[in-house]
Amino acid sequence: MVAVAFGSNGIAPGATTASVSMIWLILVYLFHTMGELCISPVGLSYVSKLVPSRMIAFMFGVWYLAVAIGMKGAGIFGENVQAIAEEKGISCFFWMIAGVSFALAIFAFVFRPIVKKLMHDVK
């Protein structure tokens, strides 16, 4: 989202049309795809390693339910893009998403020792 925020930086708040370089869209697709390719297999691997064998199918369902809830939250947040774009500019909207992502990364980093302790040395 930082790439899109930089790409849309010159668009005035409330603009009805805008033109930006295609490289920003390509970068967004690249980063989203690479992030998905890194996160999804690792998350599914941890689910299969850490869950008792009798609950694996249920927890895979919970994993995909969490993904669906996240997508629904993104959709609800995305419904407000027009209001934010008219008031503060589209770049501000993308910086908000980037800020939430950075905050969640810090949260995950802070709780990493606790999660590792709960894993009981599972590698």
C-alpha atoms as a PDB file:
ATOM      1  CA  MET A   1       0.000   0.000   0.000  1.00  0.00           C
ATOM      2  CA  VAL A   2       2.959   2.306   0.457  1.00  0.00           C
ATOM      3  CA  ALA A   3       3.665   1.994  -3.281  1.00  0.00           C
ATOM      4  CA  VAL A   4       0.096   3.051  -4.112  1.00  0.00           C
ATOM      5  CA  ALA A   5       0.221   5.853  -1.538  1.00  0.00           C
ATOM      6  CA  PHE A   6       3.330   7.250  -3.196  1.00  0.00           C
ATOM      7  CA  GLY A   7       1.830   6.757  -6.662  1.00  0.00           C
ATOM      8  CA  SER A   8      -1.371   8.593  -5.768  1.00  0.00           C
ATOM      9  CA  ASN A   9       0.400  11.354  -3.845  1.00  0.00           C
ATOM     10  CA  GLY A  10      -0.148  13.970  -6.541  1.00  0.00           C
ATOM     11  CA  ILE A  11      -3.911  13.432  -6.875  1.00  0.00           C
ATOM     12  CA  ALA A  12      -5.876  16.307  -5.389  1.00  0.00           C
ATOM     13  CA  PRO A  13      -8.617  15.579  -2.824  1.00  0.00           C
ATOM     14  CA  GLY A  14     -11.990  15.221  -4.515  1.00  0.00           C
ATOM     15  CA  ALA A  15     -10.525  14.714  -7.997  1.00  0.00           C
ATOM     16  CA  THR A  16     -12.900  12.995 -10.397  1.00  0.00           C
ATOM     17  CA  THR A  17     -10.163  11.779 -12.756  1.00  0.00           C
ATOM     18  CA  ALA A  18      -6.478  11.101 -12.297  1.00  0.00           C
ATOM     19  CA  SER A  19      -3.584   9.662 -14.214  1.00  0.00           C
ATOM     20  CA  VAL A  20      -0.659   7.841 -12.643  1.00  0.00           C
ATOM     21  CA  SER A  21       2.089   5.621 -13.963  1.00  0.00           C
ATOM     22  CA  MET A  22       1.255   1.936 -14.517  1.00  0.00           C
ATOM     23  CA  ILE A  23       4.333   0.946 -12.513  1.00  0.00           C
ATOM     24  CA  TRP A  24       2.478   1.693  -9.259  1.00  0.00           C
ATOM     25  CA  LEU A  25      -0.260  -0.807 -10.097  1.00  0.00           C
ATOM     26  CA  ILE A  26       2.324  -3.394 -11.119  1.00  0.00           C
ATOM     27  CA  LEU A  27       4.164  -2.879  -7.812  1.00  0.00           C
ATOM     28  CA  VAL A  28       0.949  -3.292  -5.827  1.00  0.00           C
ATOM     29  CA  TYR A  29       0.106  -6.574  -7.571  1.00  0.00           C
ATOM     30  CA  LEU A  30       3.697  -7.760  -7.111  1.00  0.00           C
ATOM     31  CA  PHE A  31       3.774  -6.998  -3.383  1.00  0.00           C
ATOM     32  CA  HIS A  32       0.300  -8.416  -2.733  1.00  0.00           C
ATOM     33  CA  THR A  33       1.118 -11.612  -4.599  1.00  0.00           C
ATOM     34  CA  MET A  34       4.468 -12.045  -2.880  1.00  0.00           C
ATOM     35  CA  GLY A  35       2.871 -11.395   0.515  1.00  0.00           C
ATOM     36  CA  GLU A  36       0.148 -13.957  -0.129  1.00  0.00           C
ATOM     37  CA  LEU A  37       2.684 -16.512  -1.329  1.00  0.00           C
ATOM     38  CA  CYS A  38       4.709 -16.002   1.857  1.00  0.00           C
ATOM     39  CA  ILE A  39       1.919 -15.851   4.445  1.00  0.00           C
ATOM     40  CA  SER A  40      -0.592 -18.472   3.339  1.00  0.00           C
ATOM     41  CA  PRO A  41       1.679 -21.552   3.209  1.00  0.00           C
ATOM     42  CA  VAL A  42       3.396 -20.625   6.458  1.00  0.00           C
ATOM     43  CA  GLY A  43       0.072 -20.118   8.242  1.00  0.00           C
ATOM     44  CA  LEU A  44      -1.331 -23.380   6.939  1.00  0.00           C
ATOM     45  CA  SER A  45       1.872 -25.173   7.936  1.00  0.00           C
ATOM     46  CA  TYR A  46       1.632 -23.835  11.478  1.00  0.00           C
ATOM     47  CA  VAL A  47      -1.995 -24.893  11.696  1.00  0.00           C
ATOM     48  CA  SER A  48      -1.078 -28.439  10.676  1.00  0.00           C
ATOM     49  CA  LYS A  49       1.895 -28.573  13.092  1.00  0.00           C
ATOM     50  CA  LEU A  50       0.383 -27.010  16.196  1.00  0.00           C
ATOM     51  CA  VAL A  51      -3.152 -28.394  16.215  1.00  0.00           C
ATOM     52  CA  PRO A  52      -3.935 -31.847  17.633  1.00  0.00           C
ATOM     53  CA  SER A  53      -4.524 -34.370  14.851  1.00  0.00           C
ATOM     54  CA  ARG A  54      -8.206 -34.831  15.714  1.00  0.00           C
ATOM     55  CA  MET A  55      -8.880 -31.097  15.152  1.00  0.00           C
ATOM     56  CA  ILE A  56      -6.868 -30.388  11.992  1.00  0.00           C
ATOM     57  CA  ALA A  57      -9.831 -30.213   9.596  1.00  0.00           C
ATOM     58  CA  PHE A  58     -11.768 -27.954  11.966  1.00  0.00           C
ATOM     59  CA  MET A  59      -8.821 -25.601  12.438  1.00  0.00           C
ATOM     60  CA  PHE A  60      -8.206 -25.361   8.690  1.00  0.00           C
ATOM     61  CA  GLY A  61     -11.815 -24.244   8.479  1.00  0.00           C
ATOM     62  CA  VAL A  62     -11.147 -21.687  11.221  1.00  0.00           C
ATOM     63  CA  TRP A  63      -8.083 -20.469   9.273  1.00  0.00           C
ATOM     64  CA  TYR A  64     -10.184 -19.875   6.165  1.00  0.00           C
ATOM     65  CA  LEU A  65     -12.956 -18.321   8.259  1.00  0.00           C
ATOM     66  CA  ALA A  66     -10.398 -15.852   9.636  1.00  0.00           C
ATOM     67  CA  VAL A  67      -9.345 -15.038   6.074  1.00  0.00           C
ATOM     68  CA  ALA A  68     -12.994 -14.472   5.138  1.00  0.00           C
ATOM     69  CA  ILE A  69     -13.537 -12.192   8.149  1.00  0.00           C
ATOM     70  CA  GLY A  70     -10.456 -10.224   7.145  1.00  0.00           C
ATOM     71  CA  MET A  71     -11.763  -9.856   3.602  1.00  0.00           C
ATOM     72  CA  LYS A  72     -15.143  -8.698   4.901  1.00  0.00           C
ATOM     73  CA  GLY A  73     -13.387  -6.112   7.095  1.00  0.00           C
ATOM     74  CA  ALA A  74     -11.389  -4.934   4.086  1.00  0.00           C
ATOM     75  CA  GLY A  75     -14.611  -4.597   2.107  1.00  0.00           C
ATOM     76  CA  ILE A  76     -16.256  -2.540   4.851  1.00  0.00           C
ATOM     77  CA  PHE A  77     -13.184  -0.319   5.066  1.00  0.00           C
ATOM     78  CA  GLY A  78     -13.115  -0.041   1.267  1.00  0.00           C
ATOM     79  CA  GLU A  79     -16.700   1.212   1.196  1.00  0.00           C
ATOM     80  CA  ASN A  80     -15.432   4.435   2.772  1.00  0.00           C
ATOM     81  CA  VAL A  81     -12.808   5.097   0.110  1.00  0.00           C
ATOM     82  CA  GLN A  82     -14.967   7.666  -1.701  1.00  0.00           C
ATOM     83  CA  ALA A  83     -15.653   9.733   1.417  1.00  0.00           C
ATOM     84  CA  ILE A  84     -12.003   9.684   2.475  1.00  0.00           C
ATOM     85  CA  ALA A  85     -10.811  10.482  -1.067  1.00  0.00           C
ATOM     86  CA  GLU A  86     -13.093  13.503  -1.326  1.00  0.00           C
ATOM     87  CA  GLU A  87     -12.139  14.829   2.094  1.00  0.00           C
ATOM     88  CA  LYS A  88      -8.430  14.038   2.474  1.00  0.00           C
ATOM     89  CA  GLY A  89      -7.316  12.561  -0.845  1.00  0.00           C
ATOM     90  CA  ILE A  90      -6.900   9.017  -2.076  1.00  0.00           C
ATOM     91  CA  SER A  91      -3.286   8.937  -0.929  1.00  0.00           C
ATOM     92  CA  CYS A  92      -4.459   9.355   2.668  1.00  0.00           C
ATOM     93  CA  PHE A  93      -6.671   6.276   2.298  1.00  0.00           C
ATOM     94  CA  PHE A  94      -3.722   4.159   1.190  1.00  0.00           C
ATOM     95  CA  TRP A  95      -1.521   5.570   3.959  1.00  0.00           C
ATOM     96  CA  MET A  96      -4.223   4.516   6.444  1.00  0.00           C
ATOM     97  CA  ILE A  97      -4.063   0.951   5.154  1.00  0.00           C
ATOM     98  CA  ALA A  98      -0.259   1.016   5.289  1.00  0.00           C
ATOM     99  CA  GLY A  99      -0.389   2.361   8.857  1.00  0.00           C
ATOM    100  CA  VAL A 100      -2.714  -0.432   9.966  1.00  0.00           C
ATOM    101  CA  SER A 101      -0.390  -2.969   8.333  1.00  0.00           C
ATOM    102  CA  PHE A 102       2.660  -1.539  10.107  1.00  0.00           C
ATOM    103  CA  ALA A 103       0.794  -1.481  13.434  1.00  0.00           C
ATOM    104  CA  LEU A 104      -0.175  -5.143  13.039  1.00  0.00           C
ATOM    105  CA  ALA A 105       3.419  -6.019  12.131  1.00  0.00           C
ATOM    106  CA  ILE A 106       4.650  -4.347  15.319  1.00  0.00           C
ATOM    107  CA  PHE A 107       1.940  -6.157  17.300  1.00  0.00           C
ATOM    108  CA  ALA A 108       3.052  -9.501  15.836  1.00  0.00           C
ATOM    109  CA  PHE A 109       6.704  -8.718  16.566  1.00  0.00           C
ATOM    110  CA  VAL A 110       5.960  -7.782  20.184  1.00  0.00           C
ATOM    111  CA  PHE A 111       3.948 -10.950  20.815  1.00  0.00           C
ATOM    112  CA  ARG A 112       6.430 -13.210  19.017  1.00  0.00           C
ATOM    113  CA  PRO A 113       8.149 -14.421  22.235  1.00  0.00           C
ATOM    114  CA  ILE A 114       4.799 -15.324  23.780  1.00  0.00           C
ATOM    115  CA  VAL A 115       3.732 -17.251  20.688  1.00  0.00           C
ATOM    116  CA  LYS A 116       7.070 -19.094  20.567  1.00  0.00           C
ATOM    117  CA  LYS A 117       6.648 -20.061  24.227  1.00  0.00           C
ATOM    118  CA  LEU A 118       3.146 -21.385  23.550  1.00  0.00           C
ATOM    119  CA  MET A 119       4.483 -23.471  20.650  1.00  0.00           C
ATOM    120  CA  HIS A 120       6.494 -25.689  23.050  1.00  0.00           C
ATOM    121  CA  ASP A 121       9.557 -25.895  20.773  1.00  0.00           C
ATOM    122  CA  VAL A 122       7.650 -27.014  17.670  1.00  0.00           C
ATOM    123  CA  LYS A 123       9.749 -26.115  14.650  1.00  0.00           C
END
